[in-house]
């Protein structure tokens, strides 16, 4: 039998109503642990949800890794590269690569009877992964884009639709100016999307890869590049290096040089901003664990002082200081466990409520999302529980040594 655990359980379950001082202290300690854990769970889930939401939107407009012309990656101009089936096969064979797709960009002007707007057209083909745009469609439908024909379909953002007063099914003229002169195309608005990413929504449209290639005056086997999706974002740097080894300094039959770049290298400001949130989370975690630890230390000291007479009796009966310290550490562990249970209920309840209802709203123009995003990460939440329990118990070891200063003869007369 574990003697300290047995005594601690008896004290905890005894419901001693005469302890008028320690009861509020126990309640305060329990509440401190519960609030601390709830805040930590909510903070971690919100930051994870926010980071992954923004990251997924960035990747949705581009890709994890882009293989393109070296000159394109070093400037804002579009230079073509040859993308044949052999290159696609090589890229698909790179460990960690999940999906590949061709793309091409061209700039143009959309014009109505009353207004005009400069836009960027992204041409995509049959290998286009439409999951992201499909999930963000608010009107119309996403056409099946083609590599070999012009379907005269255009998908625009709600921002562009509002500026030009466009609706699904409406036809619009687009003008393209390059070294070959001015070209005109007539498109039908097939769908309207909204992602709340202002820098993309204000200019990005989707059409056929065949159309953008023709407008750029490129050969049929040329395009802006290839977009690659990886299996695991945490392995992005490693996969990028593998892709670079395959294509770096390689020249196509038009004399253009291949290169590769990942999404973090293309958008360092946004990802640096997202990384700053990790620091905020660490500060919150440190503060909340400190609050929980301080309240538990205060509670334990009050409990020890109020049970001085009991400690003296146990010592008189032959209990060692170490055994009595373990009794109070077990007792504190029961209080912490109850606080953790309450904290999990509160924290997970808030997270689930937000996830299912989107109760708390945000300004999408500032935060890129319309509601506070949350992500449930059960292994991380379990780690938070374990870390909180361990830290709280460890910080209680030093205060528990107060027991060694209590003498049996004096303590049994203590009231």
Foldseek 3Di string as FASTA:
>chain_A
DQVLLVLLVCVLPVVPPVLPPLVVLLVLLLQLLLVLLLVLLQLVFLLVQLLVLVVVVLCLVFHQKWKFFPVVLVDVDFDKAFDDPVNVVVLCPQPFWDAKFFKAKAWKKWDDPPDIDIAIEIATAQRDDCVVQQVFWDDAHDDHAHLADFPQEKEAEPLVCVVRVDDAQDKIKMWGQDPVGIDIGIHGYRTYGYQLPVVCRRHYMYGHRNVNCVSVVHDSRMHRTMHTYGPDSVCSVVSQVSVQVVFAQDAHPVRTGIGMDGSCVSPVVVVVVSVVSVVVSVVSSVVSLVSSQVSLLVSLLSVCVVCLLVLLVCVVVPDDLVSNLSSSLSSSLVSSVSSLVSSCCSNVVVQVCCQVPLPAADDSNPSSDGGRTGDDDPVVSVVSSVVSSVSNSVSNSVSSCVSVVRHNVVSNVPD
